Amino acid sequence: MLVTSKEMLEKARREHYAVPAMNTQGGNYDIIWAICRAAEEMHSPAILAHYVATGAYSGDDWFVEVCKWCANKVSVPIAIHLDHGDSFDICMKSLKNGFTSLMIDGSTKPIEENARLTNEVIKVAKCFDVPVEAEIGELLRLDEAGAQMENKSGAGPSVPGSVPAGFPGYRNRKCSWIL
């Protein structure tokens, strides 16, 4: 059954269990259906994660339709998650296509720009009751030779469960959860 990630994660938190999120690597039918069938067999909710880059060749709209079909053939909660969406437009396209969970990744941007972008995505997604995960700090990035790249956001590496002090207005954020 198709749900938002918010519903399933709130229940998992209350009942003290984890929810697997599997990247579908372009989301062919066989992978998506296998994940949904395994979730059904294990009586476990699941998150079908989809990267922007893989959607470029598989088609985001096709991916969502296959996920919806598969999710509605099982009795366990299934969410369709955009992973590391790097722009407002990508997140809006994903909402329009029917994703039930979004991640906006502004970690390559200066912290003020990241905050602005994140809040724009949250504002619209909230109208559709779709939760948003955000990459607020900077991820460690390596160049092609494997050397650490310069931190350009000014936020420092993310620490799970924390909001960087440099995030404007972070004390006033009303988050459903911080992982």
C-alpha atoms as a PDB file:
ATOM      1  CA  MET A   1       0.000   0.000   0.000  1.00  0.00           C
ATOM      2  CA  LEU A   2       1.352   3.390  -0.971  1.00  0.00           C
ATOM      3  CA  VAL A   3       2.032   5.805   1.924  1.00  0.00           C
ATOM      4  CA  THR A   4       4.267   8.741   2.752  1.00  0.00           C
ATOM      5  CA  SER A   5       7.533   8.084   4.554  1.00  0.00           C
ATOM      6  CA  LYS A   6       6.293  10.250   7.434  1.00  0.00           C
ATOM      7  CA  GLU A   7       3.534   7.794   8.323  1.00  0.00           C
ATOM      8  CA  MET A   8       5.798   4.761   8.290  1.00  0.00           C
ATOM      9  CA  LEU A   9       8.712   6.417  10.109  1.00  0.00           C
ATOM     10  CA  GLU A  10       6.503   7.794  12.877  1.00  0.00           C
ATOM     11  CA  LYS A  11       5.091   4.298  13.464  1.00  0.00           C
ATOM     12  CA  ALA A  12       8.565   2.754  13.359  1.00  0.00           C
ATOM     13  CA  ARG A  13       9.804   5.258  15.901  1.00  0.00           C
ATOM     14  CA  ARG A  14       6.882   4.586  18.243  1.00  0.00           C
ATOM     15  CA  GLU A  15       7.317   0.829  17.934  1.00  0.00           C
ATOM     16  CA  HIS A  16      11.147   0.830  17.930  1.00  0.00           C
ATOM     17  CA  TYR A  17      12.058  -0.709  14.587  1.00  0.00           C
ATOM     18  CA  ALA A  18      13.927   0.399  11.466  1.00  0.00           C
ATOM     19  CA  VAL A  19      12.564   0.858   7.954  1.00  0.00           C
ATOM     20  CA  PRO A  20      14.820  -0.154   5.056  1.00  0.00           C
ATOM     21  CA  ALA A  21      15.295   2.261   2.170  1.00  0.00           C
ATOM     22  CA  MET A  22      16.587   0.574  -0.954  1.00  0.00           C
ATOM     23  CA  ASN A  23      17.966   2.420  -3.940  1.00  0.00           C
ATOM     24  CA  THR A  24      16.332   0.921  -6.990  1.00  0.00           C
ATOM     25  CA  GLN A  25      19.238   1.749  -9.348  1.00  0.00           C
ATOM     26  CA  GLY A  26      17.084   3.140 -12.104  1.00  0.00           C
ATOM     27  CA  GLY A  27      14.036   1.279 -11.016  1.00  0.00           C
ATOM     28  CA  ASN A  28      13.375  -1.502 -13.426  1.00  0.00           C
ATOM     29  CA  TYR A  29      10.211  -3.483 -12.753  1.00  0.00           C
ATOM     30  CA  ASP A  30      12.058  -6.590 -11.526  1.00  0.00           C
ATOM     31  CA  ILE A  31      13.940  -4.722  -8.795  1.00  0.00           C
ATOM     32  CA  ILE A  32      10.922  -2.724  -7.614  1.00  0.00           C
ATOM     33  CA  TRP A  33       8.635  -5.782  -7.560  1.00  0.00           C
ATOM     34  CA  ALA A  34      11.269  -7.886  -5.755  1.00  0.00           C
ATOM     35  CA  ILE A  35      11.619  -5.222  -3.044  1.00  0.00           C
ATOM     36  CA  CYS A  36       7.850  -4.982  -2.575  1.00  0.00           C
ATOM     37  CA  ARG A  37       7.433  -8.783  -2.468  1.00  0.00           C
ATOM     38  CA  ALA A  38      10.290  -9.125   0.048  1.00  0.00           C
ATOM     39  CA  ALA A  39       8.739  -6.395   2.204  1.00  0.00           C
ATOM     40  CA  GLU A  40       5.422  -8.268   2.095  1.00  0.00           C
ATOM     41  CA  GLU A  41       7.074 -11.582   3.031  1.00  0.00           C
ATOM     42  CA  MET A  42       8.931  -9.930   5.917  1.00  0.00           C
ATOM     43  CA  HIS A  43       5.856  -7.948   7.061  1.00  0.00           C
ATOM     44  CA  SER A  44       8.031  -4.847   6.813  1.00  0.00           C
ATOM     45  CA  PRO A  45       7.440  -1.391   5.387  1.00  0.00           C
ATOM     46  CA  ALA A  46       9.944  -0.280   2.756  1.00  0.00           C
ATOM     47  CA  ILE A  47      11.120   2.887   1.050  1.00  0.00           C
ATOM     48  CA  LEU A  48      11.855   2.753  -2.680  1.00  0.00           C
ATOM     49  CA  ALA A  49      14.635   5.316  -3.144  1.00  0.00           C
ATOM     50  CA  HIS A  50      15.391   6.933  -6.483  1.00  0.00           C
ATOM     51  CA  TYR A  51      18.360   9.145  -7.357  1.00  0.00           C
ATOM     52  CA  VAL A  52      18.100  12.023  -9.800  1.00  0.00           C
ATOM     53  CA  ALA A  53      20.913  10.602 -11.945  1.00  0.00           C
ATOM     54  CA  THR A  54      19.238   7.217 -12.364  1.00  0.00           C
ATOM     55  CA  GLY A  55      15.964   8.884 -13.281  1.00  0.00           C
ATOM     56  CA  ALA A  56      17.696  10.618 -16.161  1.00  0.00           C
ATOM     57  CA  TYR A  57      17.900   7.340 -18.048  1.00  0.00           C
ATOM     58  CA  SER A  58      14.988   5.333 -16.619  1.00  0.00           C
ATOM     59  CA  GLY A  59      12.381   8.102 -16.605  1.00  0.00           C
ATOM     60  CA  ASP A  60      11.027   9.473 -13.335  1.00  0.00           C
ATOM     61  CA  ASP A  61       7.380   9.230 -14.398  1.00  0.00           C
ATOM     62  CA  TRP A  62       7.760   5.592 -15.474  1.00  0.00           C
ATOM     63  CA  PHE A  63       9.524   4.786 -12.193  1.00  0.00           C
ATOM     64  CA  VAL A  64       6.722   6.275 -10.103  1.00  0.00           C
ATOM     65  CA  GLU A  65       3.996   4.460 -12.026  1.00  0.00           C
ATOM     66  CA  VAL A  66       5.747   1.113 -11.590  1.00  0.00           C
ATOM     67  CA  CYS A  67       6.271   1.827  -7.875  1.00  0.00           C
ATOM     68  CA  LYS A  68       2.613   2.763  -7.390  1.00  0.00           C
ATOM     69  CA  TRP A  69       1.461  -0.397  -9.157  1.00  0.00           C
ATOM     70  CA  CYS A  70       3.770  -2.622  -7.106  1.00  0.00           C
ATOM     71  CA  ALA A  71       2.998  -0.830  -3.813  1.00  0.00           C
ATOM     72  CA  ASN A  72      -0.719  -1.292  -4.337  1.00  0.00           C
ATOM     73  CA  LYS A  73      -0.260  -5.061  -4.833  1.00  0.00           C
ATOM     74  CA  VAL A  74       1.116  -5.555  -1.294  1.00  0.00           C
ATOM     75  CA  SER A  75      -0.397  -4.969   2.145  1.00  0.00           C
ATOM     76  CA  VAL A  76       2.665  -3.385   3.779  1.00  0.00           C
ATOM     77  CA  PRO A  77       3.451   0.341   3.637  1.00  0.00           C
ATOM     78  CA  ILE A  78       5.640   1.402   0.689  1.00  0.00           C
ATOM     79  CA  ALA A  79       6.942   4.957   0.118  1.00  0.00           C
ATOM     80  CA  ILE A  80       8.482   6.383  -3.055  1.00  0.00           C
ATOM     81  CA  HIS A  81      11.445   8.588  -2.133  1.00  0.00           C
ATOM     82  CA  LEU A  82      13.447  11.056  -4.203  1.00  0.00           C
ATOM     83  CA  ASP A  83      16.973  10.760  -2.831  1.00  0.00           C
ATOM     84  CA  HIS A  84      19.354  13.732  -3.030  1.00  0.00           C
ATOM     85  CA  GLY A  85      17.194  15.975  -5.185  1.00  0.00           C
ATOM     86  CA  ASP A  86      19.519  18.896  -5.827  1.00  0.00           C
ATOM     87  CA  SER A  87      17.135  21.610  -7.003  1.00  0.00           C
ATOM     88  CA  PHE A  88      13.713  23.079  -6.367  1.00  0.00           C
ATOM     89  CA  ASP A  89      12.639  22.119  -9.893  1.00  0.00           C
ATOM     90  CA  ILE A  90      13.632  18.453  -9.454  1.00  0.00           C
ATOM     91  CA  CYS A  91      11.682  18.266  -6.181  1.00  0.00           C
ATOM     92  CA  MET A  92       8.605  19.905  -7.750  1.00  0.00           C
ATOM     93  CA  LYS A  93       8.747  17.538 -10.730  1.00  0.00           C
ATOM     94  CA  SER A  94       8.952  14.615  -8.293  1.00  0.00           C
ATOM     95  CA  LEU A  95       5.929  15.887  -6.346  1.00  0.00           C
ATOM     96  CA  LYS A  96       3.986  16.236  -9.595  1.00  0.00           C
ATOM     97  CA  ASN A  97       4.978  12.698 -10.610  1.00  0.00           C
ATOM     98  CA  GLY A  98       3.699  11.264  -7.316  1.00  0.00           C
ATOM     99  CA  PHE A  99       6.719  10.717  -5.077  1.00  0.00           C
ATOM    100  CA  THR A 100       5.539  10.312  -1.468  1.00  0.00           C
ATOM    101  CA  SER A 101       8.810  11.443   0.129  1.00  0.00           C
ATOM    102  CA  LEU A 102      11.462  13.971  -0.914  1.00  0.00           C
ATOM    103  CA  MET A 103      15.034  14.786  -0.030  1.00  0.00           C
ATOM    104  CA  ILE A 104      16.437  18.174  -0.943  1.00  0.00           C
ATOM    105  CA  ASP A 105      20.217  18.173  -0.936  1.00  0.00           C
ATOM    106  CA  GLY A 106      21.571  21.721  -0.865  1.00  0.00           C
ATOM    107  CA  SER A 107      24.823  20.649   0.775  1.00  0.00           C
ATOM    108  CA  THR A 108      26.939  22.038  -2.064  1.00  0.00           C
ATOM    109  CA  LYS A 109      25.460  25.507  -1.565  1.00  0.00           C
ATOM    110  CA  PRO A 110      26.329  28.156   1.020  1.00  0.00           C
ATOM    111  CA  ILE A 111      24.318  27.572   4.206  1.00  0.00           C
ATOM    112  CA  GLU A 112      22.013  30.585   3.685  1.00  0.00           C
ATOM    113  CA  GLU A 113      21.152  29.455   0.160  1.00  0.00           C
ATOM    114  CA  ASN A 114      20.657  25.887   1.397  1.00  0.00           C
ATOM    115  CA  ALA A 115      18.242  27.146   4.085  1.00  0.00           C
ATOM    116  CA  ARG A 116      16.281  29.204   1.562  1.00  0.00           C
ATOM    117  CA  LEU A 117      16.067  26.297  -0.898  1.00  0.00           C
ATOM    118  CA  THR A 118      15.084  23.813   1.805  1.00  0.00           C
ATOM    119  CA  ASN A 119      12.326  26.069   3.113  1.00  0.00           C
ATOM    120  CA  GLU A 120      10.934  26.636  -0.405  1.00  0.00           C
ATOM    121  CA  VAL A 121      10.693  22.887  -0.984  1.00  0.00           C
ATOM    122  CA  ILE A 122       9.136  22.271   2.457  1.00  0.00           C
ATOM    123  CA  LYS A 123       6.548  25.010   1.912  1.00  0.00           C
ATOM    124  CA  VAL A 124       5.230  23.426  -1.296  1.00  0.00           C
ATOM    125  CA  ALA A 125       5.575  19.774  -0.223  1.00  0.00           C
ATOM    126  CA  LYS A 126       3.615  20.488   2.941  1.00  0.00           C
ATOM    127  CA  CYS A 127       0.600  21.415   0.770  1.00  0.00           C
ATOM    128  CA  PHE A 128       0.663  17.858  -0.586  1.00  0.00           C
ATOM    129  CA  ASP A 129       1.316  16.286   2.825  1.00  0.00           C
ATOM    130  CA  VAL A 130       4.652  14.964   1.545  1.00  0.00           C
ATOM    131  CA  PRO A 131       7.538  14.966   4.043  1.00  0.00           C
ATOM    132  CA  VAL A 132      10.939  16.439   3.205  1.00  0.00           C
ATOM    133  CA  GLU A 133      14.355  15.256   4.326  1.00  0.00           C
ATOM    134  CA  ALA A 134      17.122  17.842   3.980  1.00  0.00           C
ATOM    135  CA  GLU A 135      20.895  17.669   3.752  1.00  0.00           C
ATOM    136  CA  ILE A 136      21.669  20.703   5.859  1.00  0.00           C
ATOM    137  CA  GLY A 137      25.415  20.375   6.429  1.00  0.00           C
ATOM    138  CA  GLU A 138      28.046  19.391   3.908  1.00  0.00           C
ATOM    139  CA  LEU A 139      28.809  15.840   2.928  1.00  0.00           C
ATOM    140  CA  LEU A 140      32.444  14.842   2.648  1.00  0.00           C
ATOM    141  CA  ARG A 141      33.159  14.824  -1.063  1.00  0.00           C
ATOM    142  CA  LEU A 142      36.108  13.310  -2.890  1.00  0.00           C
ATOM    143  CA  ASP A 143      37.465  14.286  -6.288  1.00  0.00           C
ATOM    144  CA  GLU A 144      38.137  11.720  -9.017  1.00  0.00           C
ATOM    145  CA  ALA A 145      41.584  10.970  -7.546  1.00  0.00           C
ATOM    146  CA  GLY A 146      40.070  10.297  -4.100  1.00  0.00           C
ATOM    147  CA  ALA A 147      41.344  13.492  -2.449  1.00  0.00           C
ATOM    148  CA  GLN A 148      39.009  15.363  -0.110  1.00  0.00           C
ATOM    149  CA  MET A 149      37.441  18.394  -1.780  1.00  0.00           C
ATOM    150  CA  GLU A 150      37.132  21.825  -0.158  1.00  0.00           C
ATOM    151  CA  ASN A 151      34.074  22.533   2.010  1.00  0.00           C
ATOM    152  CA  LYS A 152      32.230  25.313   0.186  1.00  0.00           C
ATOM    153  CA  SER A 153      29.035  25.499   2.214  1.00  0.00           C
ATOM    154  CA  GLY A 154      30.616  26.804   5.399  1.00  0.00           C
ATOM    155  CA  ALA A 155      28.434  24.461   7.446  1.00  0.00           C
ATOM    156  CA  GLY A 156      30.848  21.674   8.261  1.00  0.00           C
ATOM    157  CA  PRO A 157      30.056  17.969   7.942  1.00  0.00           C
ATOM    158  CA  SER A 158      26.579  16.852   9.004  1.00  0.00           C
ATOM    159  CA  VAL A 159      26.226  14.939  12.231  1.00  0.00           C
ATOM    160  CA  PRO A 160      23.117  12.714  12.384  1.00  0.00           C
ATOM    161  CA  GLY A 161      20.567  14.153  14.806  1.00  0.00           C
ATOM    162  CA  SER A 162      21.996  17.656  14.740  1.00  0.00           C
ATOM    163  CA  VAL A 163      21.327  20.928  12.982  1.00  0.00           C
ATOM    164  CA  PRO A 164      24.422  23.053  12.316  1.00  0.00           C
ATOM    165  CA  ALA A 165      24.490  26.215  14.418  1.00  0.00           C
ATOM    166  CA  GLY A 166      25.068  28.252  11.254  1.00  0.00           C
ATOM    167  CA  PHE A 167      21.695  27.238   9.816  1.00  0.00           C
ATOM    168  CA  PRO A 168      19.663  30.484   9.932  1.00  0.00           C
ATOM    169  CA  GLY A 169      16.779  30.231  12.370  1.00  0.00           C
ATOM    170  CA  TYR A 170      17.525  26.599  13.175  1.00  0.00           C
ATOM    171  CA  ARG A 171      16.197  26.907  16.716  1.00  0.00           C
ATOM    172  CA  ASN A 172      12.770  27.796  15.356  1.00  0.00           C
ATOM    173  CA  ARG A 173      12.474  24.904  12.904  1.00  0.00           C
ATOM    174  CA  LYS A 174       9.465  22.690  13.400  1.00  0.00           C
ATOM    175  CA  CYS A 175      10.773  19.334  12.228  1.00  0.00           C
ATOM    176  CA  SER A 176       8.734  16.161  12.308  1.00  0.00           C
ATOM    177  CA  TRP A 177      11.966  14.390  13.173  1.00  0.00           C
ATOM    178  CA  ILE A 178      15.708  14.815  12.889  1.00  0.00           C
ATOM    179  CA  LEU A 179      17.598  11.642  12.095  1.00  0.00           C
END
